[in-house]
Amino acid sequence: QVQLVESGGGSVQAGRSLRLSCVVSGIVENVNSMGWYREATENERLFVAEIFSSGRFDYADSVRGRFTISRDIAKNTLYLQMNSLKPDDTGTYYCNVATDTQDYWGQGTQVTVSS
């Protein structure tokens, strides 16, 4: 059974940093990408960043230059380093693993940025 467990969220002031982690357990085959999404309002998850199996990165325009996605394959862990946080970054952050046939999601971790 595949499980994704996020951690690292919290409440910070604007300008501060947080690092999110997502530990993936279980066997996942044919992974196309791993990424992060933010849910600010109910049922609307917005793309934040992803890393493809090829190693290529992609970022939402709103976070490019401030956030960095990375992975530690040996630890089965995906990271999101978030610098210069803004109030608009507030939301629940979800880890995603996308394969040929299925998307896996974690339970989310809350990030709150105050001005």
N, C-alpha and C. Protein backbone atom coordinates (compact mmCIF):
# COMPACT_ATOMS: atom_id res chain seq x y z
N GLN A 1 0.85 -1.19 0.00
CA GLN A 1 0.00 0.00 0.00
C GLN A 1 0.88 1.24 0.00
N VAL A 2 0.59 2.15 -0.89
CA VAL A 2 1.38 3.37 -1.02
C VAL A 2 0.84 4.43 -0.07
N GLN A 3 1.73 5.06 0.66
CA GLN A 3 1.34 6.15 1.55
C GLN A 3 2.29 7.33 1.37
N LEU A 4 1.72 8.51 1.39
CA LEU A 4 2.50 9.74 1.34
C LEU A 4 2.19 10.51 2.62
N VAL A 5 3.23 10.90 3.34
CA VAL A 5 3.03 11.60 4.60
C VAL A 5 3.83 12.90 4.57
N GLU A 6 3.10 14.02 4.59
CA GLU A 6 3.74 15.34 4.57
C GLU A 6 4.00 15.83 6.00
N SER A 7 4.98 16.69 6.13
CA SER A 7 5.27 17.35 7.40
C SER A 7 6.02 18.64 7.11
N GLY A 8 6.17 19.45 8.15
CA GLY A 8 6.96 20.67 8.01
C GLY A 8 6.16 21.95 7.92
N GLY A 9 4.85 21.85 7.87
CA GLY A 9 4.03 23.05 7.81
C GLY A 9 4.07 23.80 9.13
N GLY A 10 3.48 24.99 9.13
CA GLY A 10 3.43 25.79 10.34
C GLY A 10 2.94 27.18 10.06
N SER A 11 3.00 28.02 11.10
CA SER A 11 2.59 29.42 10.98
C SER A 11 3.82 30.30 11.08
N VAL A 12 4.04 31.12 10.07
CA VAL A 12 5.21 31.99 10.05
C VAL A 12 4.82 33.39 9.56
N GLN A 13 5.70 34.34 9.80
CA GLN A 13 5.49 35.68 9.28
C GLN A 13 6.02 35.79 7.86
N ALA A 14 5.49 36.72 7.14
CA ALA A 14 5.95 36.94 5.77
C ALA A 14 7.46 37.19 5.75
N GLY A 15 8.10 36.62 4.74
CA GLY A 15 9.53 36.76 4.61
C GLY A 15 10.33 35.59 5.17
N ARG A 16 9.67 34.81 5.98
CA ARG A 16 10.33 33.66 6.60
C ARG A 16 10.35 32.47 5.65
N SER A 17 10.95 31.36 6.15
CA SER A 17 11.09 30.14 5.33
C SER A 17 10.51 28.94 6.06
N LEU A 18 10.11 27.97 5.26
CA LEU A 18 9.70 26.67 5.77
C LEU A 18 10.19 25.61 4.79
N ARG A 19 10.41 24.40 5.29
CA ARG A 19 10.73 23.28 4.41
C ARG A 19 9.73 22.16 4.66
N LEU A 20 9.04 21.80 3.61
CA LEU A 20 8.10 20.70 3.68
C LEU A 20 8.77 19.41 3.26
N SER A 21 8.34 18.32 3.87
CA SER A 21 8.84 17.00 3.51
C SER A 21 7.67 16.08 3.21
N CYS A 22 7.91 15.12 2.34
CA CYS A 22 6.90 14.12 2.00
C CYS A 22 7.61 12.78 1.90
N VAL A 23 7.30 11.89 2.83
CA VAL A 23 7.89 10.56 2.82
C VAL A 23 6.94 9.61 2.10
N VAL A 24 7.47 8.91 1.11
CA VAL A 24 6.68 7.97 0.32
C VAL A 24 7.03 6.55 0.74
N SER A 25 6.03 5.80 1.16
CA SER A 25 6.25 4.41 1.54
C SER A 25 5.44 3.51 0.62
N GLY A 26 5.89 2.27 0.46
CA GLY A 26 5.24 1.35 -0.45
C GLY A 26 5.92 1.36 -1.80
N ILE A 27 5.52 0.44 -2.65
CA ILE A 27 6.15 0.31 -3.98
C ILE A 27 5.32 1.07 -5.00
N VAL A 28 5.97 2.03 -5.65
CA VAL A 28 5.32 2.82 -6.70
C VAL A 28 6.07 2.60 -8.00
N GLU A 29 5.39 2.11 -9.00
CA GLU A 29 6.03 1.83 -10.29
C GLU A 29 5.64 2.87 -11.32
N ASN A 30 6.51 3.05 -12.29
CA ASN A 30 6.26 3.94 -13.42
C ASN A 30 5.89 5.36 -12.99
N VAL A 31 6.72 5.90 -12.12
CA VAL A 31 6.49 7.27 -11.65
C VAL A 31 6.85 8.25 -12.75
N ASN A 32 5.94 9.15 -13.07
CA ASN A 32 6.20 10.18 -14.06
C ASN A 32 6.71 11.46 -13.41
N SER A 33 6.12 11.79 -12.26
CA SER A 33 6.54 13.01 -11.59
C SER A 33 6.13 12.96 -10.13
N MET A 34 6.77 13.83 -9.34
CA MET A 34 6.41 14.03 -7.94
C MET A 34 6.29 15.54 -7.76
N GLY A 35 5.29 15.95 -7.01
CA GLY A 35 5.10 17.39 -6.91
C GLY A 35 4.35 17.83 -5.69
N TRP A 36 4.17 19.15 -5.63
CA TRP A 36 3.45 19.80 -4.53
C TRP A 36 2.32 20.65 -5.09
N TYR A 37 1.20 20.61 -4.38
CA TYR A 37 0.04 21.40 -4.74
C TYR A 37 -0.46 22.11 -3.49
N ARG A 38 -1.08 23.25 -3.69
CA ARG A 38 -1.62 24.03 -2.58
C ARG A 38 -3.12 24.18 -2.72
N GLU A 39 -3.81 23.91 -1.63
CA GLU A 39 -5.27 24.08 -1.61
C GLU A 39 -5.58 25.26 -0.71
N ALA A 40 -5.98 26.35 -1.34
CA ALA A 40 -6.31 27.56 -0.58
C ALA A 40 -7.80 27.63 -0.30
N THR A 41 -8.59 27.17 -1.24
CA THR A 41 -10.03 27.10 -1.05
C THR A 41 -10.48 25.67 -1.29
N GLU A 42 -11.65 25.34 -0.82
CA GLU A 42 -12.11 23.96 -0.89
C GLU A 42 -12.19 23.46 -2.33
N ASN A 43 -11.66 22.28 -2.56
CA ASN A 43 -11.73 21.61 -3.85
C ASN A 43 -10.97 22.30 -4.97
N GLU A 44 -10.04 23.17 -4.63
CA GLU A 44 -9.24 23.80 -5.67
C GLU A 44 -7.76 23.66 -5.30
N ARG A 45 -7.11 22.69 -5.88
CA ARG A 45 -5.69 22.47 -5.63
C ARG A 45 -4.90 23.08 -6.77
N LEU A 46 -4.01 23.97 -6.40
CA LEU A 46 -3.22 24.68 -7.38
C LEU A 46 -1.82 24.09 -7.45
N PHE A 47 -1.31 23.99 -8.65
CA PHE A 47 0.04 23.48 -8.88
C PHE A 47 1.06 24.42 -8.26
N VAL A 48 2.04 23.86 -7.58
CA VAL A 48 3.13 24.65 -7.00
C VAL A 48 4.46 24.30 -7.67
N ALA A 49 4.82 23.02 -7.63
CA ALA A 49 6.11 22.62 -8.19
C ALA A 49 6.09 21.13 -8.43
N GLU A 50 6.89 20.68 -9.38
CA GLU A 50 7.04 19.25 -9.59
C GLU A 50 8.40 18.94 -10.17
N ILE A 51 8.80 17.71 -9.96
CA ILE A 51 10.04 17.20 -10.52
C ILE A 51 9.70 15.93 -11.29
N PHE A 52 10.15 15.87 -12.53
CA PHE A 52 9.86 14.74 -13.39
C PHE A 52 10.90 13.65 -13.20
N SER A 53 10.55 12.45 -13.63
CA SER A 53 11.47 11.33 -13.52
C SER A 53 12.75 11.60 -14.30
N SER A 54 12.68 12.47 -15.28
CA SER A 54 13.86 12.83 -16.07
C SER A 54 14.80 13.76 -15.29
N GLY A 55 14.27 14.33 -14.19
CA GLY A 55 15.05 15.28 -13.41
C GLY A 55 14.69 16.72 -13.71
N ARG A 56 13.88 16.94 -14.70
CA ARG A 56 13.44 18.30 -15.04
C ARG A 56 12.49 18.84 -13.97
N PHE A 57 12.60 20.15 -13.72
CA PHE A 57 11.74 20.81 -12.73
C PHE A 57 10.72 21.70 -13.43
N ASP A 58 9.65 21.97 -12.70
CA ASP A 58 8.69 22.96 -13.16
C ASP A 58 8.09 23.65 -11.93
N TYR A 59 7.87 24.95 -12.06
CA TYR A 59 7.33 25.73 -10.95
C TYR A 59 6.19 26.61 -11.42
N ALA A 60 5.26 26.87 -10.51
CA ALA A 60 4.25 27.89 -10.78
C ALA A 60 4.94 29.25 -10.82
N ASP A 61 4.45 30.13 -11.66
CA ASP A 61 5.07 31.46 -11.78
C ASP A 61 5.12 32.18 -10.44
N SER A 62 4.12 31.95 -9.61
CA SER A 62 4.03 32.69 -8.35
C SER A 62 5.11 32.29 -7.34
N VAL A 63 5.74 31.13 -7.55
CA VAL A 63 6.74 30.67 -6.57
C VAL A 63 8.14 30.56 -7.17
N ARG A 64 8.24 30.73 -8.48
CA ARG A 64 9.54 30.55 -9.13
C ARG A 64 10.53 31.57 -8.57
N GLY A 65 11.70 31.07 -8.19
CA GLY A 65 12.73 31.93 -7.60
C GLY A 65 12.67 31.97 -6.08
N ARG A 66 11.56 31.52 -5.51
CA ARG A 66 11.43 31.51 -4.04
C ARG A 66 11.37 30.09 -3.48
N PHE A 67 10.76 29.18 -4.23
CA PHE A 67 10.62 27.79 -3.78
C PHE A 67 11.57 26.89 -4.57
N THR A 68 12.02 25.83 -3.91
CA THR A 68 12.88 24.84 -4.56
C THR A 68 12.39 23.45 -4.21
N ILE A 69 12.13 22.66 -5.24
CA ILE A 69 11.72 21.28 -5.03
C ILE A 69 12.93 20.38 -5.20
N SER A 70 13.01 19.35 -4.36
CA SER A 70 14.12 18.40 -4.45
C SER A 70 13.66 17.06 -3.92
N ARG A 71 14.47 16.06 -4.15
CA ARG A 71 14.12 14.72 -3.68
C ARG A 71 15.38 14.00 -3.23
N ASP A 72 15.18 13.13 -2.25
CA ASP A 72 16.24 12.23 -1.79
C ASP A 72 15.74 10.82 -2.09
N ILE A 73 16.25 10.24 -3.16
CA ILE A 73 15.76 8.93 -3.59
C ILE A 73 16.03 7.86 -2.54
N ALA A 74 17.18 7.94 -1.90
CA ALA A 74 17.54 6.93 -0.89
C ALA A 74 16.58 6.96 0.29
N LYS A 75 16.04 8.14 0.59
CA LYS A 75 15.13 8.27 1.72
C LYS A 75 13.67 8.27 1.29
N ASN A 76 13.43 8.11 -0.01
CA ASN A 76 12.06 8.14 -0.54
C ASN A 76 11.31 9.40 -0.09
N THR A 77 11.99 10.52 -0.15
CA THR A 77 11.45 11.75 0.39
C THR A 77 11.52 12.87 -0.63
N LEU A 78 10.43 13.60 -0.70
CA LEU A 78 10.33 14.79 -1.55
C LEU A 78 10.31 16.01 -0.64
N TYR A 79 10.99 17.07 -1.06
CA TYR A 79 11.07 18.28 -0.25
C TYR A 79 10.56 19.49 -1.04
N LEU A 80 10.15 20.49 -0.28
CA LEU A 80 9.84 21.79 -0.86
C LEU A 80 10.40 22.86 0.07
N GLN A 81 11.46 23.49 -0.35
CA GLN A 81 12.04 24.59 0.41
C GLN A 81 11.33 25.87 -0.01
N MET A 82 10.72 26.53 0.95
CA MET A 82 9.93 27.73 0.66
C MET A 82 10.58 28.92 1.35
N ASN A 83 11.10 29.83 0.56
CA ASN A 83 11.73 31.04 1.09
C ASN A 83 10.90 32.27 0.75
N SER A 84 11.15 33.34 1.47
CA SER A 84 10.46 34.61 1.23
C SER A 84 8.96 34.40 1.15
N LEU A 85 8.42 33.73 2.13
CA LEU A 85 7.01 33.39 2.10
C LEU A 85 6.13 34.63 2.14
N LYS A 86 4.99 34.53 1.46
CA LYS A 86 4.03 35.62 1.37
C LYS A 86 2.68 35.14 1.90
N PRO A 87 1.82 36.05 2.34
CA PRO A 87 0.48 35.64 2.79
C PRO A 87 -0.28 34.83 1.74
N ASP A 88 -0.05 35.12 0.46
CA ASP A 88 -0.74 34.38 -0.60
C ASP A 88 -0.28 32.93 -0.70
N ASP A 89 0.80 32.58 -0.02
CA ASP A 89 1.25 31.19 -0.02
C ASP A 89 0.48 30.34 0.98
N THR A 90 -0.37 30.97 1.76
CA THR A 90 -1.14 30.25 2.78
C THR A 90 -2.04 29.20 2.15
N GLY A 91 -2.10 28.03 2.81
CA GLY A 91 -2.96 26.97 2.33
C GLY A 91 -2.50 25.63 2.85
N THR A 92 -3.20 24.59 2.44
CA THR A 92 -2.80 23.22 2.76
C THR A 92 -1.99 22.68 1.60
N TYR A 93 -0.80 22.22 1.89
CA TYR A 93 0.10 21.73 0.85
C TYR A 93 0.04 20.21 0.79
N TYR A 94 -0.18 19.72 -0.42
CA TYR A 94 -0.31 18.29 -0.65
C TYR A 94 0.82 17.79 -1.53
N CYS A 95 1.34 16.64 -1.15
CA CYS A 95 2.34 15.95 -1.95
C CYS A 95 1.63 15.04 -2.94
N ASN A 96 2.17 14.95 -4.15
CA ASN A 96 1.57 14.13 -5.20
C ASN A 96 2.62 13.27 -5.88
N VAL A 97 2.26 12.03 -6.15
CA VAL A 97 3.08 11.14 -6.98
C VAL A 97 2.20 10.70 -8.14
N ALA A 98 2.62 10.99 -9.35
CA ALA A 98 1.84 10.68 -10.54
C ALA A 98 2.51 9.54 -11.32
N THR A 99 1.74 8.49 -11.57
CA THR A 99 2.24 7.38 -12.37
C THR A 99 1.46 7.30 -13.68
N ASP A 100 1.73 6.27 -14.47
CA ASP A 100 1.01 6.10 -15.73
C ASP A 100 -0.49 5.91 -15.50
N THR A 101 -0.84 5.32 -14.37
CA THR A 101 -2.22 4.92 -14.18
C THR A 101 -2.92 5.54 -12.98
N GLN A 102 -2.16 6.20 -12.09
CA GLN A 102 -2.77 6.65 -10.85
C GLN A 102 -2.04 7.83 -10.25
N ASP A 103 -2.80 8.65 -9.53
CA ASP A 103 -2.23 9.72 -8.74
C ASP A 103 -2.36 9.35 -7.26
N TYR A 104 -1.27 9.56 -6.53
CA TYR A 104 -1.29 9.34 -5.09
C TYR A 104 -1.16 10.69 -4.39
N TRP A 105 -1.88 10.83 -3.27
CA TRP A 105 -1.87 12.09 -2.53
C TRP A 105 -1.62 11.83 -1.05
N GLY A 106 -0.97 12.79 -0.40
CA GLY A 106 -0.85 12.73 1.04
C GLY A 106 -2.03 13.40 1.71
N GLN A 107 -1.96 13.52 3.03
CA GLN A 107 -3.08 14.08 3.79
C GLN A 107 -2.99 15.60 3.90
N GLY A 108 -1.84 16.16 3.52
CA GLY A 108 -1.68 17.61 3.53
C GLY A 108 -1.03 18.13 4.80
N THR A 109 -0.37 19.27 4.66
CA THR A 109 0.21 19.96 5.81
C THR A 109 -0.10 21.45 5.66
N GLN A 110 -0.53 22.08 6.75
CA GLN A 110 -1.01 23.45 6.69
C GLN A 110 0.14 24.44 6.80
N VAL A 111 0.12 25.42 5.91
CA VAL A 111 1.07 26.54 5.95
C VAL A 111 0.26 27.83 6.06
N THR A 112 0.58 28.60 7.08
CA THR A 112 -0.10 29.88 7.28
C THR A 112 0.95 30.98 7.36
N VAL A 113 0.83 31.97 6.49
CA VAL A 113 1.78 33.07 6.44
C VAL A 113 1.05 34.36 6.78
N SER A 114 1.48 35.02 7.83
CA SER A 114 0.85 36.25 8.26
C SER A 114 1.68 37.45 7.83
N SER A 115 1.00 38.54 7.60
CA SER A 115 1.69 39.75 7.13
C SER A 115 2.20 40.59 8.29
